[in-house]
Amino acid sequence: MSLESFASIPRCFASCSLGQSTDKLSDRLAHLSAAGFTQIELSMPDLVAFAAQYLGRDVKETDYHALCQAGEEVKKLCKTKGLQIFVLQPFANFEGWPEGSAERLDAFNRVAGWVAVMRAVGTDTLQVRQPACSLVFSTTPSLTALDPVQVGASDSEGINTSREYVVRDLGLLCDLLAIQGFRVAYENWCWSSHAPTWRDVYDLVDAVRRAGHPNIGLCLDSFQTAGSEWADPTRPDGLDDDPGRDARLARSLEDLSARVPADMIYFYQVSDAYRVEPPLEDKKVKGLRPRGRWSHDYRPLPFDGGYLPVVEVTRAVLKTGFRGTFSVEVFDGGKDGKGKDVNLEDFANKAKESLERLLRECAKE
């Protein structure tokens, strides 16, 4: 693989990963554009906050008329900055609810609202995160007040996570989006009880596609991949207790490169992780398993104090032939996870250089 072959990869940044909820979205967009990013992931919490500022009143996540108004304005702001809204995120808790339940009705109502917002902001991709989860609010000052990584982080009663049920519901979601020419990007969580690895979500997405729904693909993630198979934030060394973890991860990444078609990957998210000192307690806290808490507050940029094999995971993704969107999604609460303030301009530039360095490292093999 040559560095020249990576030149066409769109460089993207998640809006929720820069600054605080009080920082104006327009300022964040300006700094991301100046740093050289060409796309953004637009998080719904950021859109809700922008809508409140833009309309001068409180706006709820279910006020889709207001969100569409604000979304059209965000689209204009992005256009003036040379940015494309690549994806709307994070949609969660759709699949698995019992027939006739209030939760299932709410899930389908949310689909209609989010599709309307997608039209308003001009994106065709919806990032979907796994079911059986509940909403968790961020306490980290440096992050958006509603951390989208945590939408869907703890077990909820009543959800059927059987493969057959999940595949069926994802197919229904795909059909609803296909009416508009939209698609689903499905992501795994390293702390999930039923689909923690890239293989798990690959198998689900492959099954949905085989069932006649081609508009679903993968959102792969360096943190989620290494965090599920190689690292463990509850141990002093931060590593999985299997002494064969390095060889196991190497085999897994070889399998990823060989098995996953490039066109099944819709985008790739990049972040690292801190080795937590002292290690996290091996128990749920506010509904979050240790890896969920780790994901929430301990995810820096690559080459900025983390320890995950981000280069190796990224190289495996590139070996599939994928040259689509690379997106920086970090949640850096500092090594203690308590949060830290950042200069928006400096951090945007640092993120861009981190992404470029990652690609340079991947080209060295």
Foldseek 3Di string as FASTA:
>chain_A
DALVVLPPAAEEAELQFFFELPDQSLVLLLLLLVLPHQEYAYELLNLQSQLCVVVVHHDDSLPLVSSLVSLLVVLVSSVVSNHAHAEYDDQEAAFFADPPDPSNVVSVSVLVSVLSSCVSNVYQEYEYEYHQADFDFDQARGGYRGDRLRHGAFGDPRGDPDLVRRLVRVLVSLVVSVVVPHAYAYEAALQDPQQQEPVSVVVSQVSNVVVPRVRYAYAAELCSHQVNQFADLQDQVRTDPPPCSVVVSLVVLLCLLPPDAQVRHQEYEYWFFANAVPGDDQDDDPRHGRSSLRQQFTTHQPPPHGDTPSLSNVLSSVSSVHNYYYYYDGHHQDNNSNYDGDDSNVVSNVNSVSVSVSSVSSNPD
